[in-house]
Amino acid sequence: VDAGGMTVEFGRCEKAVDPTPLFRGLPDDMCQCRHYGYVVTGTYRFRGRDGVSAFTAGEAFLVTPGHIPLPEAGSEWVMFTPTVDQMRTDSVIAANLAAQQKGNLQ
């Protein structure tokens, strides 16, 4: 949902996944968005250049550019991201997903 220049994401993860390959082509092959959010249930991890940060149910977070999102199975969250940054990142993710589906990205 786009709300006044911010993308609002209501997310839920049924199964833990590592989306690292989807960020290839971005600087440092990592997400370049600034995310503000709140973990509703479970744990949401972000792997960055300096290690992993974990946020659990009831915690708010701010994540700066240069990370890989790693939500754990059973987690739910609300996240706010500047739409312009989200759109740039999403275009790279979409291209990588298409390549992955064709067998050109692993």
PDB file of N, CA and C in Angstrom:
ATOM      1  N   VAL A   1       0.853  -1.176   0.000  1.00  0.00           N
ATOM      2  CA  VAL A   1       0.000   0.000   0.000  1.00  0.00           C
ATOM      3  C   VAL A   1       0.893   1.230   0.000  1.00  0.00           C
ATOM      4  N   ASP A   2       0.632   2.150  -0.950  1.00  0.00           N
ATOM      5  CA  ASP A   2       1.380   3.406  -0.976  1.00  0.00           C
ATOM      6  C   ASP A   2       0.569   4.453  -0.231  1.00  0.00           C
ATOM      7  N   ALA A   3       1.195   5.055   0.764  1.00  0.00           N
ATOM      8  CA  ALA A   3       0.509   6.064   1.582  1.00  0.00           C
ATOM      9  C   ALA A   3       1.400   7.293   1.700  1.00  0.00           C
ATOM     10  N   GLY A   4       1.148   8.293   0.862  1.00  0.00           N
ATOM     11  CA  GLY A   4       1.880   9.544   0.965  1.00  0.00           C
ATOM     12  C   GLY A   4       3.371   9.430   0.800  1.00  0.00           C
ATOM     13  N   GLY A   5       3.814   8.644  -0.165  1.00  0.00           N
ATOM     14  CA  GLY A   5       5.246   8.505  -0.402  1.00  0.00           C
ATOM     15  C   GLY A   5       5.917   7.421   0.417  1.00  0.00           C
ATOM     16  N   MET A   6       5.142   6.738   1.232  1.00  0.00           N
ATOM     17  CA  MET A   6       5.671   5.609   2.001  1.00  0.00           C
ATOM     18  C   MET A   6       4.919   4.349   1.583  1.00  0.00           C
ATOM     19  N   THR A   7       5.647   3.274   1.403  1.00  0.00           N
ATOM     20  CA  THR A   7       5.028   1.981   1.136  1.00  0.00           C
ATOM     21  C   THR A   7       4.815   1.300   2.478  1.00  0.00           C
ATOM     22  N   VAL A   8       3.587   0.884   2.724  1.00  0.00           N
ATOM     23  CA  VAL A   8       3.240   0.193   3.959  1.00  0.00           C
ATOM     24  C   VAL A   8       3.050  -1.278   3.624  1.00  0.00           C
ATOM     25  N   GLU A   9       3.790  -2.117   4.306  1.00  0.00           N
ATOM     26  CA  GLU A   9       3.739  -3.560   4.060  1.00  0.00           C
ATOM     27  C   GLU A   9       3.234  -4.269   5.308  1.00  0.00           C
ATOM     28  N   PHE A  10       2.191  -5.030   5.129  1.00  0.00           N
ATOM     29  CA  PHE A  10       1.706  -5.914   6.182  1.00  0.00           C
ATOM     30  C   PHE A  10       2.169  -7.300   5.769  1.00  0.00           C
ATOM     31  N   GLY A  11       3.170  -7.829   6.437  1.00  0.00           N
ATOM     32  CA  GLY A  11       3.789  -9.070   5.992  1.00  0.00           C
ATOM     33  C   GLY A  11       3.607 -10.229   6.948  1.00  0.00           C
ATOM     34  N   ARG A  12       3.668 -11.407   6.364  1.00  0.00           N
ATOM     35  CA  ARG A  12       3.598 -12.650   7.136  1.00  0.00           C
ATOM     36  C   ARG A  12       4.452 -13.682   6.416  1.00  0.00           C
ATOM     37  N   CYS A  13       5.212 -14.432   7.170  1.00  0.00           N
ATOM     38  CA  CYS A  13       6.098 -15.431   6.595  1.00  0.00           C
ATOM     39  C   CYS A  13       5.716 -16.805   7.140  1.00  0.00           C
ATOM     40  N   GLU A  14       5.284 -17.668   6.252  1.00  0.00           N
ATOM     41  CA  GLU A  14       4.907 -19.034   6.653  1.00  0.00           C
ATOM     42  C   GLU A  14       6.129 -19.934   6.763  1.00  0.00           C
ATOM     43  N   LYS A  15       7.117 -19.672   5.908  1.00  0.00           N
ATOM     44  CA  LYS A  15       8.308 -20.515   5.830  1.00  0.00           C
ATOM     45  C   LYS A  15       9.528 -19.614   5.693  1.00  0.00           C
ATOM     46  N   ALA A  16      10.533 -19.849   6.497  1.00  0.00           N
ATOM     47  CA  ALA A  16      11.751 -19.038   6.420  1.00  0.00           C
ATOM     48  C   ALA A  16      12.433 -19.251   5.063  1.00  0.00           C
ATOM     49  N   VAL A  17      12.871 -18.152   4.471  1.00  0.00           N
ATOM     50  CA  VAL A  17      13.591 -18.209   3.201  1.00  0.00           C
ATOM     51  C   VAL A  17      14.770 -17.245   3.280  1.00  0.00           C
ATOM     52  N   ASP A  18      15.754 -17.485   2.433  1.00  0.00           N
ATOM     53  CA  ASP A  18      16.876 -16.562   2.329  1.00  0.00           C
ATOM     54  C   ASP A  18      16.812 -15.926   0.941  1.00  0.00           C
ATOM     55  N   PRO A  19      16.383 -14.671   0.851  1.00  0.00           N
ATOM     56  CA  PRO A  19      16.215 -14.032  -0.447  1.00  0.00           C
ATOM     57  C   PRO A  19      17.489 -13.401  -1.015  1.00  0.00           C
ATOM     58  N   THR A  20      18.642 -13.738  -0.482  1.00  0.00           N
ATOM     59  CA  THR A  20      19.894 -13.104  -0.886  1.00  0.00           C
ATOM     60  C   THR A  20      20.061 -12.994  -2.407  1.00  0.00           C
ATOM     61  N   PRO A  21      19.805 -14.055  -3.188  1.00  0.00           N
ATOM     62  CA  PRO A  21      20.017 -13.939  -4.640  1.00  0.00           C
ATOM     63  C   PRO A  21      19.144 -12.875  -5.314  1.00  0.00           C
ATOM     64  N   LEU A  22      18.026 -12.539  -4.712  1.00  0.00           N
ATOM     65  CA  LEU A  22      17.120 -11.570  -5.327  1.00  0.00           C
ATOM     66  C   LEU A  22      17.660 -10.139  -5.289  1.00  0.00           C
ATOM     67  N   PHE A  23      18.659  -9.895  -4.455  1.00  0.00           N
ATOM     68  CA  PHE A  23      19.212  -8.549  -4.318  1.00  0.00           C
ATOM     69  C   PHE A  23      20.465  -8.336  -5.164  1.00  0.00           C
ATOM     70  N   ARG A  24      20.854  -9.347  -5.938  1.00  0.00           N
ATOM     71  CA  ARG A  24      22.029  -9.201  -6.806  1.00  0.00           C
ATOM     72  C   ARG A  24      21.825  -8.052  -7.773  1.00  0.00           C
ATOM     73  N   GLY A  25      22.869  -7.247  -7.887  1.00  0.00           N
ATOM     74  CA  GLY A  25      22.809  -6.099  -8.792  1.00  0.00           C
ATOM     75  C   GLY A  25      22.619  -4.779  -8.062  1.00  0.00           C
ATOM     76  N   LEU A  26      22.179  -4.844  -6.819  1.00  0.00           N
ATOM     77  CA  LEU A  26      22.104  -3.643  -5.986  1.00  0.00           C
ATOM     78  C   LEU A  26      23.469  -3.427  -5.338  1.00  0.00           C
ATOM     79  N   PRO A  27      23.784  -2.234  -4.871  1.00  0.00           N
ATOM     80  CA  PRO A  27      25.066  -2.038  -4.185  1.00  0.00           C
ATOM     81  C   PRO A  27      25.262  -3.072  -3.070  1.00  0.00           C
ATOM     82  N   ASP A  28      26.425  -3.688  -3.065  1.00  0.00           N
ATOM     83  CA  ASP A  28      26.776  -4.743  -2.100  1.00  0.00           C
ATOM     84  C   ASP A  28      25.834  -5.940  -2.177  1.00  0.00           C
ATOM     85  N   ASP A  29      25.022  -6.024  -3.232  1.00  0.00           N
ATOM     86  CA  ASP A  29      24.035  -7.105  -3.393  1.00  0.00           C
ATOM     87  C   ASP A  29      23.116  -7.196  -2.181  1.00  0.00           C
ATOM     88  N   MET A  30      22.735  -6.022  -1.664  1.00  0.00           N
ATOM     89  CA  MET A  30      21.862  -5.942  -0.489  1.00  0.00           C
ATOM     90  C   MET A  30      20.769  -4.913  -0.727  1.00  0.00           C
ATOM     91  N   CYS A  31      19.697  -5.027   0.029  1.00  0.00           N
ATOM     92  CA  CYS A  31      18.597  -4.077  -0.028  1.00  0.00           C
ATOM     93  C   CYS A  31      19.105  -2.683   0.325  1.00  0.00           C
ATOM     94  N   GLN A  32      18.684  -1.695  -0.455  1.00  0.00           N
ATOM     95  CA  GLN A  32      19.141  -0.317  -0.252  1.00  0.00           C
ATOM     96  C   GLN A  32      18.053   0.587   0.317  1.00  0.00           C
ATOM     97  N   CYS A  33      17.035  -0.024   0.903  1.00  0.00           N
ATOM     98  CA  CYS A  33      15.938   0.746   1.494  1.00  0.00           C
ATOM     99  C   CYS A  33      16.161   0.974   2.990  1.00  0.00           C
ATOM    100  N   ARG A  34      15.593   2.053   3.463  1.00  0.00           N
ATOM    101  CA  ARG A  34      15.504   2.320   4.896  1.00  0.00           C
ATOM    102  C   ARG A  34      14.104   1.855   5.294  1.00  0.00           C
ATOM    103  N   HIS A  35      14.032   0.928   6.261  1.00  0.00           N
ATOM    104  CA  HIS A  35      12.749   0.392   6.708  1.00  0.00           C
ATOM    105  C   HIS A  35      12.496   0.772   8.165  1.00  0.00           C
ATOM    106  N   TYR A  36      11.282   1.177   8.426  1.00  0.00           N
ATOM    107  CA  TYR A  36      10.805   1.402   9.782  1.00  0.00           C
ATOM    108  C   TYR A  36       9.721   0.354   9.996  1.00  0.00           C
ATOM    109  N   GLY A  37       9.720  -0.322  11.129  1.00  0.00           N
ATOM    110  CA  GLY A  37       8.707  -1.353  11.270  1.00  0.00           C
ATOM    111  C   GLY A  37       8.451  -1.783  12.690  1.00  0.00           C
ATOM    112  N   TYR A  38       7.553  -2.756  12.771  1.00  0.00           N
ATOM    113  CA  TYR A  38       7.124  -3.308  14.054  1.00  0.00           C
ATOM    114  C   TYR A  38       6.851  -4.790  13.842  1.00  0.00           C
ATOM    115  N   VAL A  39       7.406  -5.629  14.710  1.00  0.00           N
ATOM    116  CA  VAL A  39       7.188  -7.068  14.628  1.00  0.00           C
ATOM    117  C   VAL A  39       5.963  -7.410  15.467  1.00  0.00           C
ATOM    118  N   VAL A  40       4.967  -7.998  14.822  1.00  0.00           N
ATOM    119  CA  VAL A  40       3.720  -8.356  15.499  1.00  0.00           C
ATOM    120  C   VAL A  40       3.873  -9.699  16.199  1.00  0.00           C
ATOM    121  N   THR A  41       4.370 -10.701  15.477  1.00  0.00           N
ATOM    122  CA  THR A  41       4.621 -12.024  16.059  1.00  0.00           C
ATOM    123  C   THR A  41       5.938 -12.557  15.515  1.00  0.00           C
ATOM    124  N   GLY A  42       6.554 -13.443  16.255  1.00  0.00           N
ATOM    125  CA  GLY A  42       7.768 -14.110  15.790  1.00  0.00           C
ATOM    126  C   GLY A  42       9.004 -13.232  15.844  1.00  0.00           C
ATOM    127  N   THR A  43       9.922 -13.527  14.920  1.00  0.00           N
ATOM    128  CA  THR A  43      11.217 -12.839  14.859  1.00  0.00           C
ATOM    129  C   THR A  43      11.525 -12.449  13.426  1.00  0.00           C
ATOM    130  N   TYR A  44      12.030 -11.254  13.253  1.00  0.00           N
ATOM    131  CA  TYR A  44      12.455 -10.763  11.944  1.00  0.00           C
ATOM    132  C   TYR A  44      13.929 -10.401  12.082  1.00  0.00           C
ATOM    133  N   ARG A  45      14.760 -11.002  11.252  1.00  0.00           N
ATOM    134  CA  ARG A  45      16.204 -10.742  11.270  1.00  0.00           C
ATOM    135  C   ARG A  45      16.608  -9.979  10.014  1.00  0.00           C
ATOM    136  N   PHE A  46      17.659  -9.198  10.153  1.00  0.00           N
ATOM    137  CA  PHE A  46      18.257  -8.505   9.023  1.00  0.00           C
ATOM    138  C   PHE A  46      19.753  -8.770   9.082  1.00  0.00           C
ATOM    139  N   ARG A  47      20.314  -9.287   7.992  1.00  0.00           N
ATOM    140  CA  ARG A  47      21.759  -9.506   7.916  1.00  0.00           C
ATOM    141  C   ARG A  47      22.363  -8.317   7.191  1.00  0.00           C
ATOM    142  N   GLY A  48      23.329  -7.680   7.821  1.00  0.00           N
ATOM    143  CA  GLY A  48      24.006  -6.531   7.236  1.00  0.00           C
ATOM    144  C   GLY A  48      25.499  -6.757   7.178  1.00  0.00           C
ATOM    145  N   ARG A  49      26.205  -5.751   6.769  1.00  0.00           N
ATOM    146  CA  ARG A  49      27.666  -5.847   6.693  1.00  0.00           C
ATOM    147  C   ARG A  49      28.299  -6.132   8.048  1.00  0.00           C
ATOM    148  N   ASP A  50      27.644  -5.671   9.115  1.00  0.00           N
ATOM    149  CA  ASP A  50      28.207  -5.814  10.462  1.00  0.00           C
ATOM    150  C   ASP A  50      27.609  -6.962  11.257  1.00  0.00           C
ATOM    151  N   GLY A  51      26.869  -7.854  10.606  1.00  0.00           N
ATOM    152  CA  GLY A  51      26.283  -8.981  11.329  1.00  0.00           C
ATOM    153  C   GLY A  51      24.772  -9.007  11.198  1.00  0.00           C
ATOM    154  N   VAL A  52      24.132  -9.722  12.127  1.00  0.00           N
ATOM    155  CA  VAL A  52      22.686  -9.927  12.083  1.00  0.00           C
ATOM    156  C   VAL A  52      22.029  -9.193  13.247  1.00  0.00           C
ATOM    157  N   SER A  53      20.941  -8.498  12.939  1.00  0.00           N
ATOM    158  CA  SER A  53      20.109  -7.865  13.967  1.00  0.00           C
ATOM    159  C   SER A  53      18.797  -8.626  14.006  1.00  0.00           C
ATOM    160  N   ALA A  54      18.307  -8.909  15.200  1.00  0.00           N
ATOM    161  CA  ALA A  54      17.050  -9.639  15.341  1.00  0.00           C
ATOM    162  C   ALA A  54      16.060  -8.808  16.152  1.00  0.00           C
ATOM    163  N   PHE A  55      14.827  -8.799  15.683  1.00  0.00           N
ATOM    164  CA  PHE A  55      13.744  -8.092  16.359  1.00  0.00           C
ATOM    165  C   PHE A  55      12.624  -9.085  16.601  1.00  0.00           C
ATOM    166  N   THR A  56      12.076  -9.069  17.801  1.00  0.00           N
ATOM    167  CA  THR A  56      11.039 -10.031  18.164  1.00  0.00           C
ATOM    168  C   THR A  56       9.712  -9.322  18.406  1.00  0.00           C
ATOM    169  N   ALA A  57       8.663 -10.126  18.568  1.00  0.00           N
ATOM    170  CA  ALA A  57       7.308  -9.604  18.743  1.00  0.00           C
ATOM    171  C   ALA A  57       7.288  -8.483  19.776  1.00  0.00           C
ATOM    172  N   GLY A  58       6.645  -7.381  19.399  1.00  0.00           N
ATOM    173  CA  GLY A  58       6.534  -6.231  20.283  1.00  0.00           C
ATOM    174  C   GLY A  58       7.629  -5.203  20.121  1.00  0.00           C
ATOM    175  N   GLU A  59       8.609  -5.484  19.257  1.00  0.00           N
ATOM    176  CA  GLU A  59       9.714  -4.546  19.065  1.00  0.00           C
ATOM    177  C   GLU A  59       9.552  -3.760  17.763  1.00  0.00           C
ATOM    178  N   ALA A  60       9.920  -2.496  17.829  1.00  0.00           N
ATOM    179  CA  ALA A  60       9.982  -1.653  16.644  1.00  0.00           C
ATOM    180  C   ALA A  60      11.414  -1.678  16.123  1.00  0.00           C
ATOM    181  N   PHE A  61      11.580  -1.379  14.826  1.00  0.00           N
ATOM    182  CA  PHE A  61      12.925  -1.386  14.268  1.00  0.00           C
ATOM    183  C   PHE A  61      13.096  -0.293  13.220  1.00  0.00           C
ATOM    184  N   LEU A  62      14.343   0.070  13.032  1.00  0.00           N
ATOM    185  CA  LEU A  62      14.789   0.936  11.947  1.00  0.00           C
ATOM    186  C   LEU A  62      15.986   0.227  11.337  1.00  0.00           C
ATOM    187  N   VAL A  63      15.910  -0.057  10.054  1.00  0.00           N
ATOM    188  CA  VAL A  63      17.005  -0.734   9.363  1.00  0.00           C
ATOM    189  C   VAL A  63      17.472   0.173   8.233  1.00  0.00           C
ATOM    190  N   THR A  64      18.756   0.411   8.175  1.00  0.00           N
ATOM    191  CA  THR A  64      19.327   1.291   7.166  1.00  0.00           C
ATOM    192  C   THR A  64      19.713   0.504   5.913  1.00  0.00           C
ATOM    193  N   PRO A  65      19.978   1.176   4.808  1.00  0.00           N
ATOM    194  CA  PRO A  65      20.389   0.489   3.588  1.00  0.00           C
ATOM    195  C   PRO A  65      21.616  -0.387   3.815  1.00  0.00           C
ATOM    196  N   GLY A  66      21.646  -1.513   3.088  1.00  0.00           N
ATOM    197  CA  GLY A  66      22.766  -2.446   3.193  1.00  0.00           C
ATOM    198  C   GLY A  66      22.426  -3.635   4.062  1.00  0.00           C
ATOM    199  N   HIS A  67      21.348  -4.333   3.730  1.00  0.00           N
ATOM    200  CA  HIS A  67      20.912  -5.477   4.537  1.00  0.00           C
ATOM    201  C   HIS A  67      20.167  -6.491   3.665  1.00  0.00           C
ATOM    202  N   ILE A  68      19.999  -7.666   4.208  1.00  0.00           N
ATOM    203  CA  ILE A  68      19.164  -8.713   3.618  1.00  0.00           C
ATOM    204  C   ILE A  68      18.092  -9.035   4.645  1.00  0.00           C
ATOM    205  N   PRO A  69      16.806  -8.962   4.262  1.00  0.00           N
ATOM    206  CA  PRO A  69      15.740  -9.297   5.206  1.00  0.00           C
ATOM    207  C   PRO A  69      15.625 -10.811   5.360  1.00  0.00           C
ATOM    208  N   LEU A  70      15.490 -11.261   6.600  1.00  0.00           N
ATOM    209  CA  LEU A  70      15.394 -12.697   6.885  1.00  0.00           C
ATOM    210  C   LEU A  70      14.275 -12.968   7.896  1.00  0.00           C
ATOM    211  N   PRO A  71      13.013 -12.815   7.488  1.00  0.00           N
ATOM    212  CA  PRO A  71      11.924 -13.099   8.426  1.00  0.00           C
ATOM    213  C   PRO A  71      11.883 -14.599   8.737  1.00  0.00           C
ATOM    214  N   GLU A  72      11.603 -14.917   9.976  1.00  0.00           N
ATOM    215  CA  GLU A  72      11.518 -16.324  10.365  1.00  0.00           C
ATOM    216  C   GLU A  72      10.101 -16.846  10.167  1.00  0.00           C
ATOM    217  N   ALA A  73       9.985 -18.159  10.039  1.00  0.00           N
ATOM    218  CA  ALA A  73       8.681 -18.793   9.871  1.00  0.00           C
ATOM    219  C   ALA A  73       7.769 -18.402  11.028  1.00  0.00           C
ATOM    220  N   GLY A  74       6.533 -18.065  10.702  1.00  0.00           N
ATOM    221  CA  GLY A  74       5.558 -17.695  11.720  1.00  0.00           C
ATOM    222  C   GLY A  74       5.607 -16.237  12.133  1.00  0.00           C
ATOM    223  N   SER A  75       6.445 -15.443  11.478  1.00  0.00           N
ATOM    224  CA  SER A  75       6.541 -14.029  11.870  1.00  0.00           C
ATOM    225  C   SER A  75       5.543 -13.174  11.079  1.00  0.00           C
ATOM    226  N   GLU A  76       5.117 -12.099  11.714  1.00  0.00           N
ATOM    227  CA  GLU A  76       4.252 -11.101  11.091  1.00  0.00           C
ATOM    228  C   GLU A  76       4.809  -9.733  11.456  1.00  0.00           C
ATOM    229  N   TRP A  77       4.656  -8.783  10.528  1.00  0.00           N
ATOM    230  CA  TRP A  77       5.226  -7.456  10.759  1.00  0.00           C
ATOM    231  C   TRP A  77       4.444  -6.410   9.981  1.00  0.00           C
ATOM    232  N   VAL A  78       4.709  -5.161  10.349  1.00  0.00           N
ATOM    233  CA  VAL A  78       4.264  -3.999   9.596  1.00  0.00           C
ATOM    234  C   VAL A  78       5.532  -3.195   9.321  1.00  0.00           C
ATOM    235  N   MET A  79       5.736  -2.809   8.043  1.00  0.00           N
ATOM    236  CA  MET A  79       6.961  -2.109   7.685  1.00  0.00           C
ATOM    237  C   MET A  79       6.625  -0.907   6.806  1.00  0.00           C
ATOM    238  N   PHE A  80       7.352   0.176   7.028  1.00  0.00           N
ATOM    239  CA  PHE A  80       7.183   1.422   6.282  1.00  0.00           C
ATOM    240  C   PHE A  80       8.499   1.735   5.575  1.00  0.00           C
ATOM    241  N   THR A  81       8.412   1.979   4.260  1.00  0.00           N
ATOM    242  CA  THR A  81       9.599   2.202   3.445  1.00  0.00           C
ATOM    243  C   THR A  81       9.313   3.345   2.473  1.00  0.00           C
ATOM    244  N   PRO A  82      10.234   4.295   2.294  1.00  0.00           N
ATOM    245  CA  PRO A  82      10.029   5.314   1.279  1.00  0.00           C
ATOM    246  C   PRO A  82       9.749   4.645  -0.083  1.00  0.00           C
ATOM    247  N   THR A  83       8.642   5.014  -0.699  1.00  0.00           N
ATOM    248  CA  THR A  83       8.187   4.349  -1.922  1.00  0.00           C
ATOM    249  C   THR A  83       9.211   4.419  -3.044  1.00  0.00           C
ATOM    250  N   VAL A  84       9.863   5.559  -3.224  1.00  0.00           N
ATOM    251  CA  VAL A  84      10.840   5.686  -4.300  1.00  0.00           C
ATOM    252  C   VAL A  84      11.967   4.662  -4.135  1.00  0.00           C
ATOM    253  N   ASP A  85      12.419   4.433  -2.919  1.00  0.00           N
ATOM    254  CA  ASP A  85      13.460   3.436  -2.661  1.00  0.00           C
ATOM    255  C   ASP A  85      12.914   2.030  -2.880  1.00  0.00           C
ATOM    256  N   GLN A  86      11.703   1.799  -2.432  1.00  0.00           N
ATOM    257  CA  GLN A  86      11.087   0.480  -2.580  1.00  0.00           C
ATOM    258  C   GLN A  86      10.925   0.123  -4.055  1.00  0.00           C
ATOM    259  N   MET A  87      10.526   1.098  -4.864  1.00  0.00           N
ATOM    260  CA  MET A  87      10.331   0.844  -6.295  1.00  0.00           C
ATOM    261  C   MET A  87      11.645   0.490  -6.991  1.00  0.00           C
ATOM    262  N   ARG A  88      12.726   1.178  -6.633  1.00  0.00           N
ATOM    263  CA  ARG A  88      14.038   0.864  -7.224  1.00  0.00           C
ATOM    264  C   ARG A  88      14.463  -0.554  -6.865  1.00  0.00           C
ATOM    265  N   THR A  89      14.294  -0.898  -5.603  1.00  0.00           N
ATOM    266  CA  THR A  89      14.671  -2.229  -5.142  1.00  0.00           C
ATOM    267  C   THR A  89      13.777  -3.291  -5.769  1.00  0.00           C
ATOM    268  N   ASP A  90      12.481  -3.024  -5.828  1.00  0.00           N
ATOM    269  CA  ASP A  90      11.542  -3.994  -6.395  1.00  0.00           C
ATOM    270  C   ASP A  90      11.834  -4.291  -7.858  1.00  0.00           C
ATOM    271  N   SER A  91      12.315  -3.296  -8.610  1.00  0.00           N
ATOM    272  CA  SER A  91      12.615  -3.552 -10.026  1.00  0.00           C
ATOM    273  C   SER A  91      13.767  -4.545 -10.166  1.00  0.00           C
ATOM    274  N   VAL A  92      14.763  -4.455  -9.296  1.00  0.00           N
ATOM    275  CA  VAL A  92      15.878  -5.407  -9.320  1.00  0.00           C
ATOM    276  C   VAL A  92      15.394  -6.783  -8.876  1.00  0.00           C
ATOM    277  N   ILE A  93      14.579  -6.832  -7.823  1.00  0.00           N
ATOM    278  CA  ILE A  93      14.044  -8.107  -7.347  1.00  0.00           C
ATOM    279  C   ILE A  93      13.219  -8.779  -8.441  1.00  0.00           C
ATOM    280  N   ALA A  94      12.379  -8.008  -9.130  1.00  0.00           N
ATOM    281  CA  ALA A  94      11.541  -8.573 -10.198  1.00  0.00           C
ATOM    282  C   ALA A  94      12.398  -9.164 -11.319  1.00  0.00           C
ATOM    283  N   ALA A  95      13.450  -8.462 -11.713  1.00  0.00           N
ATOM    284  CA  ALA A  95      14.341  -8.975 -12.759  1.00  0.00           C
ATOM    285  C   ALA A  95      15.038 -10.251 -12.298  1.00  0.00           C
ATOM    286  N   ASN A  96      15.471 -10.276 -11.048  1.00  0.00           N
ATOM    287  CA  ASN A  96      16.132 -11.467 -10.523  1.00  0.00           C
ATOM    288  C   ASN A  96      15.162 -12.636 -10.382  1.00  0.00           C
ATOM    289  N   LEU A  97      13.919 -12.355 -10.000  1.00  0.00           N
ATOM    290  CA  LEU A  97      12.906 -13.418  -9.933  1.00  0.00           C
ATOM    291  C   LEU A  97      12.662 -14.019 -11.310  1.00  0.00           C
ATOM    292  N   ALA A  98      12.553 -13.158 -12.313  1.00  0.00           N
ATOM    293  CA  ALA A  98      12.344 -13.633 -13.679  1.00  0.00           C
ATOM    294  C   ALA A  98      13.518 -14.504 -14.127  1.00  0.00           C
ATOM    295  N   ALA A  99      14.742 -14.067 -13.844  1.00  0.00           N
ATOM    296  CA  ALA A  99      15.922 -14.847 -14.198  1.00  0.00           C
ATOM    297  C   ALA A  99      15.942 -16.173 -13.452  1.00  0.00           C
ATOM    298  N   GLN A 100      15.542 -16.146 -12.195  1.00  0.00           N
ATOM    299  CA  GLN A 100      15.508 -17.366 -11.389  1.00  0.00           C
ATOM    300  C   GLN A 100      14.502 -18.367 -11.955  1.00  0.00           C
ATOM    301  N   GLN A 101      13.351 -17.867 -12.370  1.00  0.00           N
ATOM    302  CA  GLN A 101      12.319 -18.739 -12.937  1.00  0.00           C
ATOM    303  C   GLN A 101      12.763 -19.351 -14.267  1.00  0.00           C
ATOM    304  N   LYS A 102      13.621 -18.639 -14.984  1.00  0.00           N
ATOM    305  CA  LYS A 102      14.158 -19.167 -16.250  1.00  0.00           C
ATOM    306  C   LYS A 102      15.374 -20.050 -16.012  1.00  0.00           C
ATOM    307  N   GLY A 103      15.811 -20.158 -14.751  1.00  0.00           N
ATOM    308  CA  GLY A 103      16.976 -20.968 -14.438  1.00  0.00           C
ATOM    309  C   GLY A 103      18.293 -20.262 -14.606  1.00  0.00           C
ATOM    310  N   ASN A 104      18.263 -18.931 -14.754  1.00  0.00           N
ATOM    311  CA  ASN A 104      19.485 -18.161 -14.958  1.00  0.00           C
ATOM    312  C   ASN A 104      20.038 -17.539 -13.684  1.00  0.00           C
ATOM    313  N   LEU A 105      19.402 -17.781 -12.541  1.00  0.00           N
ATOM    314  CA  LEU A 105      19.862 -17.207 -11.279  1.00  0.00           C
ATOM    315  C   LEU A 105      19.684 -18.258 -10.202  1.00  0.00           C
ATOM    316  N   GLN A 106      20.732 -18.466  -9.424  1.00  0.00           N
ATOM    317  CA  GLN A 106      20.629 -19.460  -8.352  1.00  0.00           C
ATOM    318  C   GLN A 106      21.003 -18.867  -7.037  1.00  0.00           C
TER     319      GLN A 106
END
